[in-house]
Amino acid sequence: MTTAPNLQIRASGVTAEQLDAYSALLGKVFGDAPKFTREALAWRYRDNPDGQVVGFDAWDGERLVAHYVTCPTTARIGGASVRGLLSLNTATDPDYAGQGLFTRLAQATYAAGADAGHGFVMGVANANSTPGFLKKLDFQLVAPLEAGLLLRRPQRFEAAAADFRIDWTPRRLAWRLANPASAYGVRDRDGLTVISAPTHLPLVTCVGFVSEGLVEPGGAAGLASLFIGLEPRVNLAALGFLRLPQRLRPSPLNLIYRRLGDPALESLDPTDTAIGFLDFDPY
């Protein structure tokens, strides 16, 4: 472990040099992946219509040693539109592990987010990272996400809008589907649109649901449908939902949430919260 007491903590940004540094660090920590290329990071960090990333980095001279960003998003909460943040990429160079850098960067990020008027921060954490978010950063564990195969795809929303859901507008959705690291299929139904993305499994696509008419149909639909999330507007059981056994899941996916200020809710009710893969970006 390299001890560096004089690290510089700087706000994250979107210059070409910063994006290259982020790409290199994320690739070093997690392995090369399409989502960590400079092009994909520019799309996610710079081009988001809700705004550029809010985050902080730790530098040892000219060396980036830790990185944490949240991405602006907008949710519908009880009918109101509320600006918030999606906790996304975090990485610490293994040479600098064990120095509490993630906690420092996260605390600075949430303070900056609150100052900028964001009402909440949410994320999907795995088994390793969930305890740190809950114990050190005061997050609520809303619920583990459902994960399983749908034998049928829904035709319509069967319930009123969830009390908490991401507010997908045509502009936001067009940006989301322009992700250079993936390709999507879009199918309109009666009252909703089903959006699918390729997964690591052959012929299996991950599906999510938004209001009908937000984006033009097109693309491949896949044969089998994987759903990951929470969806009170759809009766999953009636669609033949087959939960994946825990042994087939590499890690639990836990929805976490923290209020940063008004008018966000103090906590979320998992039975009245809609979240799907489009909202937290696994594909």
C-alpha atoms as a PDB file:
ATOM      1  CA  MET A   1       0.000   0.000   0.000  1.00  0.00           C
ATOM      2  CA  THR A   2       1.228   3.481  -0.890  1.00  0.00           C
ATOM      3  CA  THR A   3       0.601   6.049   1.825  1.00  0.00           C
ATOM      4  CA  ALA A   4       0.146   9.548   0.466  1.00  0.00           C
ATOM      5  CA  PRO A   5      -0.934  12.033   3.158  1.00  0.00           C
ATOM      6  CA  ASN A   6      -0.829  14.989   0.767  1.00  0.00           C
ATOM      7  CA  LEU A   7      -3.287  13.785  -1.817  1.00  0.00           C
ATOM      8  CA  GLN A   8      -5.199  16.479  -3.649  1.00  0.00           C
ATOM      9  CA  ILE A   9      -9.001  16.128  -3.695  1.00  0.00           C
ATOM     10  CA  ARG A  10     -10.469  17.769  -6.805  1.00  0.00           C
ATOM     11  CA  ALA A  11     -13.914  17.947  -8.357  1.00  0.00           C
ATOM     12  CA  SER A  12     -14.454  15.499 -11.217  1.00  0.00           C
ATOM     13  CA  GLY A  13     -14.696  16.910 -14.707  1.00  0.00           C
ATOM     14  CA  VAL A  14     -15.095  16.043 -18.362  1.00  0.00           C
ATOM     15  CA  THR A  15     -11.942  17.237 -20.097  1.00  0.00           C
ATOM     16  CA  ALA A  16     -10.265  14.785 -22.472  1.00  0.00           C
ATOM     17  CA  GLU A  17      -7.399  14.364 -20.000  1.00  0.00           C
ATOM     18  CA  GLN A  18      -9.755  13.602 -17.119  1.00  0.00           C
ATOM     19  CA  LEU A  19     -11.799  11.128 -19.165  1.00  0.00           C
ATOM     20  CA  ASP A  20      -8.616   9.337 -20.212  1.00  0.00           C
ATOM     21  CA  ALA A  21      -7.493   9.132 -16.580  1.00  0.00           C
ATOM     22  CA  TYR A  22     -10.885   7.784 -15.483  1.00  0.00           C
ATOM     23  CA  SER A  23     -10.883   5.220 -18.290  1.00  0.00           C
ATOM     24  CA  ALA A  24      -7.425   4.004 -17.302  1.00  0.00           C
ATOM     25  CA  LEU A  25      -8.233   3.727 -13.580  1.00  0.00           C
ATOM     26  CA  LEU A  26     -11.599   2.021 -14.090  1.00  0.00           C
ATOM     27  CA  GLY A  27     -10.008  -0.408 -16.533  1.00  0.00           C
ATOM     28  CA  LYS A  28      -7.200  -1.158 -14.084  1.00  0.00           C
ATOM     29  CA  VAL A  29      -9.599  -1.850 -11.215  1.00  0.00           C
ATOM     30  CA  PHE A  30     -12.432  -3.622 -13.054  1.00  0.00           C
ATOM     31  CA  GLY A  31     -10.884  -4.787 -16.330  1.00  0.00           C
ATOM     32  CA  ASP A  32     -11.341  -3.368 -19.793  1.00  0.00           C
ATOM     33  CA  ALA A  33     -15.005  -3.001 -20.740  1.00  0.00           C
ATOM     34  CA  PRO A  34     -16.891  -1.011 -23.381  1.00  0.00           C
ATOM     35  CA  LYS A  35     -18.522   1.152 -20.685  1.00  0.00           C
ATOM     36  CA  PHE A  36     -15.090   2.411 -19.578  1.00  0.00           C
ATOM     37  CA  THR A  37     -13.864   3.751 -22.922  1.00  0.00           C
ATOM     38  CA  ARG A  38     -13.381   7.497 -23.267  1.00  0.00           C
ATOM     39  CA  GLU A  39     -16.308   7.616 -25.715  1.00  0.00           C
ATOM     40  CA  ALA A  40     -18.673   5.854 -23.314  1.00  0.00           C
ATOM     41  CA  LEU A  41     -17.566   7.966 -20.354  1.00  0.00           C
ATOM     42  CA  ALA A  42     -18.030  11.163 -22.370  1.00  0.00           C
ATOM     43  CA  TRP A  43     -21.578  10.067 -23.168  1.00  0.00           C
ATOM     44  CA  ARG A  44     -22.359   9.290 -19.534  1.00  0.00           C
ATOM     45  CA  TYR A  45     -20.351  12.032 -17.787  1.00  0.00           C
ATOM     46  CA  ARG A  46     -20.591  14.972 -20.234  1.00  0.00           C
ATOM     47  CA  ASP A  47     -23.612  14.564 -22.513  1.00  0.00           C
ATOM     48  CA  ASN A  48     -26.350  13.717 -19.979  1.00  0.00           C
ATOM     49  CA  PRO A  49     -29.202  16.213 -20.551  1.00  0.00           C
ATOM     50  CA  ASP A  50     -29.678  16.441 -16.770  1.00  0.00           C
ATOM     51  CA  GLY A  51     -26.130  17.769 -16.391  1.00  0.00           C
ATOM     52  CA  GLN A  52     -22.519  16.731 -16.043  1.00  0.00           C
ATOM     53  CA  VAL A  53     -21.353  14.380 -13.309  1.00  0.00           C
ATOM     54  CA  VAL A  54     -21.036  15.475  -9.697  1.00  0.00           C
ATOM     55  CA  GLY A  55     -18.056  13.788  -8.082  1.00  0.00           C
ATOM     56  CA  PHE A  56     -14.562  14.032  -6.705  1.00  0.00           C
ATOM     57  CA  ASP A  57     -11.145  12.536  -7.450  1.00  0.00           C
ATOM     58  CA  ALA A  58      -8.001  11.941  -5.425  1.00  0.00           C
ATOM     59  CA  TRP A  59      -4.693  12.743  -7.125  1.00  0.00           C
ATOM     60  CA  ASP A  60      -1.158  11.905  -6.043  1.00  0.00           C
ATOM     61  CA  GLY A  61       0.669  14.475  -8.112  1.00  0.00           C
ATOM     62  CA  GLU A  62      -0.293  13.673 -11.716  1.00  0.00           C
ATOM     63  CA  ARG A  63      -1.553  10.191 -10.815  1.00  0.00           C
ATOM     64  CA  LEU A  64      -5.283   9.595 -10.382  1.00  0.00           C
ATOM     65  CA  VAL A  65      -5.623   7.224  -7.439  1.00  0.00           C
ATOM     66  CA  ALA A  66      -9.356   7.326  -6.598  1.00  0.00           C
ATOM     67  CA  HIS A  67     -12.510   8.368  -8.414  1.00  0.00           C
ATOM     68  CA  TYR A  68     -16.188   8.637  -7.495  1.00  0.00           C
ATOM     69  CA  VAL A  69     -19.001  10.171  -9.523  1.00  0.00           C
ATOM     70  CA  THR A  70     -22.747  10.515  -9.376  1.00  0.00           C
ATOM     71  CA  CYS A  71     -24.827  11.295 -12.454  1.00  0.00           C
ATOM     72  CA  PRO A  72     -27.681  13.813 -12.362  1.00  0.00           C
ATOM     73  CA  THR A  73     -31.136  12.365 -12.897  1.00  0.00           C
ATOM     74  CA  THR A  74     -34.728  13.459 -12.372  1.00  0.00           C
ATOM     75  CA  ALA A  75     -37.414  11.497 -10.558  1.00  0.00           C
ATOM     76  CA  ARG A  76     -41.168  11.808 -10.221  1.00  0.00           C
ATOM     77  CA  ILE A  77     -41.864  11.750  -6.501  1.00  0.00           C
ATOM     78  CA  GLY A  78     -45.502  11.916  -5.535  1.00  0.00           C
ATOM     79  CA  GLY A  79     -46.262  13.666  -8.813  1.00  0.00           C
ATOM     80  CA  ALA A  80     -43.516  16.296  -8.442  1.00  0.00           C
ATOM     81  CA  SER A  81     -40.321  16.487 -10.506  1.00  0.00           C
ATOM     82  CA  VAL A  82     -37.243  16.264  -8.254  1.00  0.00           C
ATOM     83  CA  ARG A  83     -33.603  16.552  -9.277  1.00  0.00           C
ATOM     84  CA  GLY A  84     -31.311  13.896  -7.846  1.00  0.00           C
ATOM     85  CA  LEU A  85     -28.148  11.889  -8.353  1.00  0.00           C
ATOM     86  CA  LEU A  86     -27.394   8.314  -9.403  1.00  0.00           C
ATOM     87  CA  SER A  87     -24.377   6.859  -7.615  1.00  0.00           C
ATOM     88  CA  LEU A  88     -22.313   5.283 -10.357  1.00  0.00           C
ATOM     89  CA  ASN A  89     -18.602   4.726 -10.872  1.00  0.00           C
ATOM     90  CA  THR A  90     -16.217   4.350  -7.965  1.00  0.00           C
ATOM     91  CA  ALA A  91     -12.660   3.053  -8.113  1.00  0.00           C
ATOM     92  CA  THR A  92      -9.548   3.192  -5.950  1.00  0.00           C
ATOM     93  CA  ASP A  93      -6.125   2.211  -7.229  1.00  0.00           C
ATOM     94  CA  PRO A  94      -5.148  -0.978  -5.347  1.00  0.00           C
ATOM     95  CA  ASP A  95      -1.886   0.711  -4.310  1.00  0.00           C
ATOM     96  CA  TYR A  96      -3.921   3.229  -2.316  1.00  0.00           C
ATOM     97  CA  ALA A  97      -6.575   0.937  -0.818  1.00  0.00           C
ATOM     98  CA  GLY A  98      -7.476   1.031   2.871  1.00  0.00           C
ATOM     99  CA  GLN A  99      -7.122   4.799   3.332  1.00  0.00           C
ATOM    100  CA  GLY A 100     -10.801   5.711   3.371  1.00  0.00           C
ATOM    101  CA  LEU A 101     -10.640   7.520   0.048  1.00  0.00           C
ATOM    102  CA  PHE A 102     -14.047   6.389  -1.168  1.00  0.00           C
ATOM    103  CA  THR A 103     -15.762   7.737   1.964  1.00  0.00           C
ATOM    104  CA  ARG A 104     -13.961  11.083   1.646  1.00  0.00           C
ATOM    105  CA  LEU A 105     -14.887  11.443  -2.007  1.00  0.00           C
ATOM    106  CA  ALA A 106     -18.484  10.377  -1.414  1.00  0.00           C
ATOM    107  CA  GLN A 107     -19.010  12.831   1.444  1.00  0.00           C
ATOM    108  CA  ALA A 108     -17.633  15.670  -0.663  1.00  0.00           C
ATOM    109  CA  THR A 109     -19.857  14.599  -3.566  1.00  0.00           C
ATOM    110  CA  TYR A 110     -23.070  14.572  -1.537  1.00  0.00           C
ATOM    111  CA  ALA A 111     -22.301  17.970  -0.013  1.00  0.00           C
ATOM    112  CA  ALA A 112     -21.724  19.411  -3.480  1.00  0.00           C
ATOM    113  CA  GLY A 113     -24.877  17.734  -4.773  1.00  0.00           C
ATOM    114  CA  ALA A 114     -26.985  19.170  -1.964  1.00  0.00           C
ATOM    115  CA  ASP A 115     -25.509  22.639  -2.522  1.00  0.00           C
ATOM    116  CA  ALA A 116     -26.437  22.370  -6.212  1.00  0.00           C
ATOM    117  CA  GLY A 117     -30.060  21.625  -5.353  1.00  0.00           C
ATOM    118  CA  HIS A 118     -30.211  17.855  -5.784  1.00  0.00           C
ATOM    119  CA  GLY A 119     -32.777  16.331  -3.455  1.00  0.00           C
ATOM    120  CA  PHE A 120     -31.544  12.743  -3.251  1.00  0.00           C
ATOM    121  CA  VAL A 121     -28.885  10.249  -4.231  1.00  0.00           C
ATOM    122  CA  MET A 122     -29.754   6.673  -5.138  1.00  0.00           C
ATOM    123  CA  GLY A 123     -27.809   3.676  -6.352  1.00  0.00           C
ATOM    124  CA  VAL A 124     -27.670  -0.078  -6.746  1.00  0.00           C
ATOM    125  CA  ALA A 125     -24.970  -1.598  -4.572  1.00  0.00           C
ATOM    126  CA  ASN A 126     -23.544  -5.115  -4.505  1.00  0.00           C
ATOM    127  CA  ALA A 127     -22.903  -7.223  -1.416  1.00  0.00           C
ATOM    128  CA  ASN A 128     -19.400  -5.803  -0.907  1.00  0.00           C
ATOM    129  CA  SER A 129     -20.283  -2.124  -1.142  1.00  0.00           C
ATOM    130  CA  THR A 130     -23.699  -2.090   0.563  1.00  0.00           C
ATOM    131  CA  PRO A 131     -22.397  -2.114   4.190  1.00  0.00           C
ATOM    132  CA  GLY A 132     -20.196   0.927   3.555  1.00  0.00           C
ATOM    133  CA  PHE A 133     -23.068   2.929   2.092  1.00  0.00           C
ATOM    134  CA  LEU A 134     -25.332   2.031   5.011  1.00  0.00           C
ATOM    135  CA  LYS A 135     -22.917   2.391   7.923  1.00  0.00           C
ATOM    136  CA  LYS A 136     -20.607   5.193   6.781  1.00  0.00           C
ATOM    137  CA  LEU A 137     -22.779   7.232   4.424  1.00  0.00           C
ATOM    138  CA  ASP A 138     -26.265   7.000   5.993  1.00  0.00           C
ATOM    139  CA  PHE A 139     -28.089   5.358   3.107  1.00  0.00           C
ATOM    140  CA  GLN A 140     -31.391   3.518   3.404  1.00  0.00           C
ATOM    141  CA  LEU A 141     -31.448  -0.064   2.158  1.00  0.00           C
ATOM    142  CA  VAL A 142     -34.712   0.122   0.226  1.00  0.00           C
ATOM    143  CA  ALA A 143     -34.842  -3.499  -0.970  1.00  0.00           C
ATOM    144  CA  PRO A 144     -32.929  -6.128  -2.905  1.00  0.00           C
ATOM    145  CA  LEU A 145     -33.961  -5.910  -6.542  1.00  0.00           C
ATOM    146  CA  GLU A 146     -35.975  -8.651  -8.167  1.00  0.00           C
ATOM    147  CA  ALA A 147     -34.055 -10.627 -10.790  1.00  0.00           C
ATOM    148  CA  GLY A 148     -35.558 -13.287 -13.011  1.00  0.00           C
ATOM    149  CA  LEU A 149     -36.943 -14.327 -16.370  1.00  0.00           C
ATOM    150  CA  LEU A 150     -40.297 -13.248 -17.759  1.00  0.00           C
ATOM    151  CA  LEU A 151     -42.171 -15.878 -19.754  1.00  0.00           C
ATOM    152  CA  ARG A 152     -44.301 -13.081 -21.254  1.00  0.00           C
ATOM    153  CA  ARG A 153     -43.748  -9.389 -21.745  1.00  0.00           C
ATOM    154  CA  PRO A 154     -46.350  -6.984 -20.368  1.00  0.00           C
ATOM    155  CA  GLN A 155     -48.813  -5.269 -22.690  1.00  0.00           C
ATOM    156  CA  ARG A 156     -49.650  -2.314 -20.445  1.00  0.00           C
ATOM    157  CA  PHE A 157     -49.150  -0.779 -17.043  1.00  0.00           C
ATOM    158  CA  GLU A 158     -51.754  -2.237 -14.719  1.00  0.00           C
ATOM    159  CA  ALA A 159     -51.502   0.246 -11.852  1.00  0.00           C
ATOM    160  CA  ALA A 160     -51.191   3.980 -11.287  1.00  0.00           C
ATOM    161  CA  ALA A 161     -47.770   5.567 -11.490  1.00  0.00           C
ATOM    162  CA  ALA A 162     -45.376   4.554  -8.728  1.00  0.00           C
ATOM    163  CA  ASP A 163     -44.702   7.110  -5.999  1.00  0.00           C
ATOM    164  CA  PHE A 164     -41.013   7.105  -6.980  1.00  0.00           C
ATOM    165  CA  ARG A 165     -39.829   6.573 -10.541  1.00  0.00           C
ATOM    166  CA  ILE A 166     -37.249   8.079 -12.860  1.00  0.00           C
ATOM    167  CA  ASP A 167     -38.847  10.698 -15.112  1.00  0.00           C
ATOM    168  CA  TRP A 168     -38.027   9.540 -18.627  1.00  0.00           C
ATOM    169  CA  THR A 169     -38.838  12.252 -21.165  1.00  0.00           C
ATOM    170  CA  PRO A 170     -38.232  11.875 -24.926  1.00  0.00           C
ATOM    171  CA  ARG A 171     -34.992  13.870 -24.658  1.00  0.00           C
ATOM    172  CA  ARG A 172     -33.649  11.913 -21.697  1.00  0.00           C
ATOM    173  CA  LEU A 173     -34.593   8.589 -23.207  1.00  0.00           C
ATOM    174  CA  ALA A 174     -33.034   9.439 -26.578  1.00  0.00           C
ATOM    175  CA  TRP A 175     -29.779  10.183 -24.763  1.00  0.00           C
ATOM    176  CA  ARG A 176     -29.997   6.988 -22.695  1.00  0.00           C
ATOM    177  CA  LEU A 177     -30.500   4.854 -25.800  1.00  0.00           C
ATOM    178  CA  ALA A 178     -27.517   6.515 -27.509  1.00  0.00           C
ATOM    179  CA  ASN A 179     -25.175   4.678 -25.130  1.00  0.00           C
ATOM    180  CA  PRO A 180     -22.159   3.774 -27.316  1.00  0.00           C
ATOM    181  CA  ALA A 181     -21.418   0.721 -25.150  1.00  0.00           C
ATOM    182  CA  SER A 182     -24.701  -1.071 -25.925  1.00  0.00           C
ATOM    183  CA  ALA A 183     -27.548  -1.475 -28.421  1.00  0.00           C
ATOM    184  CA  TYR A 184     -31.248  -1.461 -27.612  1.00  0.00           C
ATOM    185  CA  GLY A 185     -34.524  -2.771 -28.934  1.00  0.00           C
ATOM    186  CA  VAL A 186     -37.752  -0.779 -28.547  1.00  0.00           C
ATOM    187  CA  ARG A 187     -41.285  -2.176 -28.807  1.00  0.00           C
ATOM    188  CA  ASP A 188     -44.470  -0.186 -28.182  1.00  0.00           C
ATOM    189  CA  ARG A 189     -47.359  -1.951 -26.457  1.00  0.00           C
ATOM    190  CA  ASP A 190     -50.751  -0.679 -25.279  1.00  0.00           C
ATOM    191  CA  GLY A 191     -49.784   2.019 -22.821  1.00  0.00           C
ATOM    192  CA  LEU A 192     -46.107   1.200 -22.332  1.00  0.00           C
ATOM    193  CA  THR A 193     -42.871   0.748 -24.230  1.00  0.00           C
ATOM    194  CA  VAL A 194     -40.620  -2.260 -23.630  1.00  0.00           C
ATOM    195  CA  ILE A 195     -36.917  -1.511 -24.034  1.00  0.00           C
ATOM    196  CA  SER A 196     -34.438  -4.372 -24.228  1.00  0.00           C
ATOM    197  CA  ALA A 197     -30.657  -4.590 -24.029  1.00  0.00           C
ATOM    198  CA  PRO A 198     -28.265  -7.462 -24.742  1.00  0.00           C
ATOM    199  CA  THR A 199     -26.808  -9.302 -21.765  1.00  0.00           C
ATOM    200  CA  HIS A 200     -23.879 -11.694 -21.346  1.00  0.00           C
ATOM    201  CA  LEU A 201     -26.306 -14.589 -21.950  1.00  0.00           C
ATOM    202  CA  PRO A 202     -26.974 -15.689 -25.549  1.00  0.00           C
ATOM    203  CA  LEU A 203     -30.448 -14.717 -26.818  1.00  0.00           C
ATOM    204  CA  VAL A 204     -31.371 -13.204 -23.431  1.00  0.00           C
ATOM    205  CA  THR A 205     -32.160  -9.496 -23.225  1.00  0.00           C
ATOM    206  CA  CYS A 206     -32.744  -7.381 -20.157  1.00  0.00           C
ATOM    207  CA  VAL A 207     -36.051  -5.506 -20.329  1.00  0.00           C
ATOM    208  CA  GLY A 208     -37.364  -2.303 -18.809  1.00  0.00           C
ATOM    209  CA  PHE A 209     -40.622  -0.397 -19.123  1.00  0.00           C
ATOM    210  CA  VAL A 210     -41.447   3.258 -19.790  1.00  0.00           C
ATOM    211  CA  SER A 211     -44.512   5.157 -20.966  1.00  0.00           C
ATOM    212  CA  GLU A 212     -45.575   4.579 -24.556  1.00  0.00           C
ATOM    213  CA  GLY A 213     -44.551   6.971 -27.310  1.00  0.00           C
ATOM    214  CA  LEU A 214     -41.342   8.386 -25.787  1.00  0.00           C
ATOM    215  CA  VAL A 215     -39.069   6.886 -28.447  1.00  0.00           C
ATOM    216  CA  GLU A 216     -39.395   5.381 -31.897  1.00  0.00           C
ATOM    217  CA  PRO A 217     -39.652   1.548 -32.049  1.00  0.00           C
ATOM    218  CA  GLY A 218     -36.795  -0.410 -33.564  1.00  0.00           C
ATOM    219  CA  GLY A 219     -33.952  -2.839 -32.910  1.00  0.00           C
ATOM    220  CA  ALA A 220     -33.816  -6.500 -31.971  1.00  0.00           C
ATOM    221  CA  ALA A 221     -36.032  -7.783 -29.173  1.00  0.00           C
ATOM    222  CA  GLY A 222     -34.291 -11.038 -28.186  1.00  0.00           C
ATOM    223  CA  LEU A 223     -35.982 -14.293 -27.284  1.00  0.00           C
ATOM    224  CA  ALA A 224     -35.873 -14.480 -23.481  1.00  0.00           C
ATOM    225  CA  SER A 225     -36.460 -11.540 -21.129  1.00  0.00           C
ATOM    226  CA  LEU A 226     -34.471 -10.839 -17.978  1.00  0.00           C
ATOM    227  CA  PHE A 227     -36.023  -8.337 -15.582  1.00  0.00           C
ATOM    228  CA  ILE A 228     -33.936  -6.656 -12.880  1.00  0.00           C
ATOM    229  CA  GLY A 229     -35.604  -4.097 -10.664  1.00  0.00           C
ATOM    230  CA  LEU A 230     -38.818  -3.239  -8.831  1.00  0.00           C
ATOM    231  CA  GLU A 231     -42.040  -2.627 -10.752  1.00  0.00           C
ATOM    232  CA  PRO A 232     -45.335  -2.075  -8.872  1.00  0.00           C
ATOM    233  CA  ARG A 233     -47.099  -1.045 -12.110  1.00  0.00           C
ATOM    234  CA  VAL A 234     -46.760  -4.539 -13.584  1.00  0.00           C
ATOM    235  CA  ASN A 235     -47.919  -7.892 -12.179  1.00  0.00           C
ATOM    236  CA  LEU A 236     -44.719  -9.904 -12.563  1.00  0.00           C
ATOM    237  CA  ALA A 237     -46.296 -13.109 -11.270  1.00  0.00           C
ATOM    238  CA  ALA A 238     -48.971 -12.970 -13.973  1.00  0.00           C
ATOM    239  CA  LEU A 239     -46.198 -12.748 -16.563  1.00  0.00           C
ATOM    240  CA  GLY A 240     -44.696 -16.044 -15.409  1.00  0.00           C
ATOM    241  CA  PHE A 241     -41.810 -14.399 -13.563  1.00  0.00           C
ATOM    242  CA  LEU A 242     -39.168 -16.975 -12.625  1.00  0.00           C
ATOM    243  CA  ARG A 243     -36.813 -15.654  -9.942  1.00  0.00           C
ATOM    244  CA  LEU A 244     -33.172 -16.517 -10.373  1.00  0.00           C
ATOM    245  CA  PRO A 245     -31.944 -18.549  -7.411  1.00  0.00           C
ATOM    246  CA  GLN A 246     -29.358 -16.777  -5.289  1.00  0.00           C
ATOM    247  CA  ARG A 247     -26.657 -19.229  -6.363  1.00  0.00           C
ATOM    248  CA  LEU A 248     -27.041 -18.047  -9.962  1.00  0.00           C
ATOM    249  CA  ARG A 249     -26.623 -14.391  -9.046  1.00  0.00           C
ATOM    250  CA  PRO A 250     -23.030 -13.177  -8.834  1.00  0.00           C
ATOM    251  CA  SER A 251     -24.064 -10.736  -6.080  1.00  0.00           C
ATOM    252  CA  PRO A 252     -27.250  -9.309  -4.605  1.00  0.00           C
ATOM    253  CA  LEU A 253     -28.269  -5.996  -6.140  1.00  0.00           C
ATOM    254  CA  ASN A 254     -29.535  -3.679  -3.432  1.00  0.00           C
ATOM    255  CA  LEU A 255     -31.425  -0.439  -4.062  1.00  0.00           C
ATOM    256  CA  ILE A 256     -30.038   2.236  -1.731  1.00  0.00           C
ATOM    257  CA  TYR A 257     -31.260   5.785  -1.191  1.00  0.00           C
ATOM    258  CA  ARG A 258     -30.321   8.903   0.744  1.00  0.00           C
ATOM    259  CA  ARG A 259     -32.223  12.158   0.992  1.00  0.00           C
ATOM    260  CA  LEU A 260     -30.100  15.269   0.432  1.00  0.00           C
ATOM    261  CA  GLY A 261     -32.793  17.921   0.826  1.00  0.00           C
ATOM    262  CA  ASP A 262     -36.282  19.146  -0.018  1.00  0.00           C
ATOM    263  CA  PRO A 263     -38.539  18.115  -1.668  1.00  0.00           C
ATOM    264  CA  ALA A 264     -37.227  14.546  -1.738  1.00  0.00           C
ATOM    265  CA  LEU A 265     -38.737  11.847   0.448  1.00  0.00           C
ATOM    266  CA  GLU A 266     -36.994  10.925   3.681  1.00  0.00           C
ATOM    267  CA  SER A 267     -37.106   7.261   2.625  1.00  0.00           C
ATOM    268  CA  LEU A 268     -38.569   5.105  -0.138  1.00  0.00           C
ATOM    269  CA  ASP A 269     -41.307   2.505   0.121  1.00  0.00           C
ATOM    270  CA  PRO A 270     -40.152  -0.501  -1.953  1.00  0.00           C
ATOM    271  CA  THR A 271     -43.761  -1.446  -2.735  1.00  0.00           C
ATOM    272  CA  ASP A 272     -44.315   1.943  -4.393  1.00  0.00           C
ATOM    273  CA  THR A 273     -40.940   2.362  -6.128  1.00  0.00           C
ATOM    274  CA  ALA A 274     -40.296   1.614  -9.798  1.00  0.00           C
ATOM    275  CA  ILE A 275     -36.731   1.025 -10.953  1.00  0.00           C
ATOM    276  CA  GLY A 276     -35.386  -0.918 -13.908  1.00  0.00           C
ATOM    277  CA  PHE A 277     -32.146  -1.416 -15.778  1.00  0.00           C
ATOM    278  CA  LEU A 278     -32.534   1.879 -17.658  1.00  0.00           C
ATOM    279  CA  ASP A 279     -32.395   3.742 -14.347  1.00  0.00           C
ATOM    280  CA  PHE A 280     -29.122   2.396 -12.984  1.00  0.00           C
ATOM    281  CA  ASP A 281     -27.202   1.487 -16.134  1.00  0.00           C
ATOM    282  CA  PRO A 282     -26.000  -2.149 -15.924  1.00  0.00           C
ATOM    283  CA  TYR A 283     -26.465  -2.427 -19.727  1.00  0.00           C
END
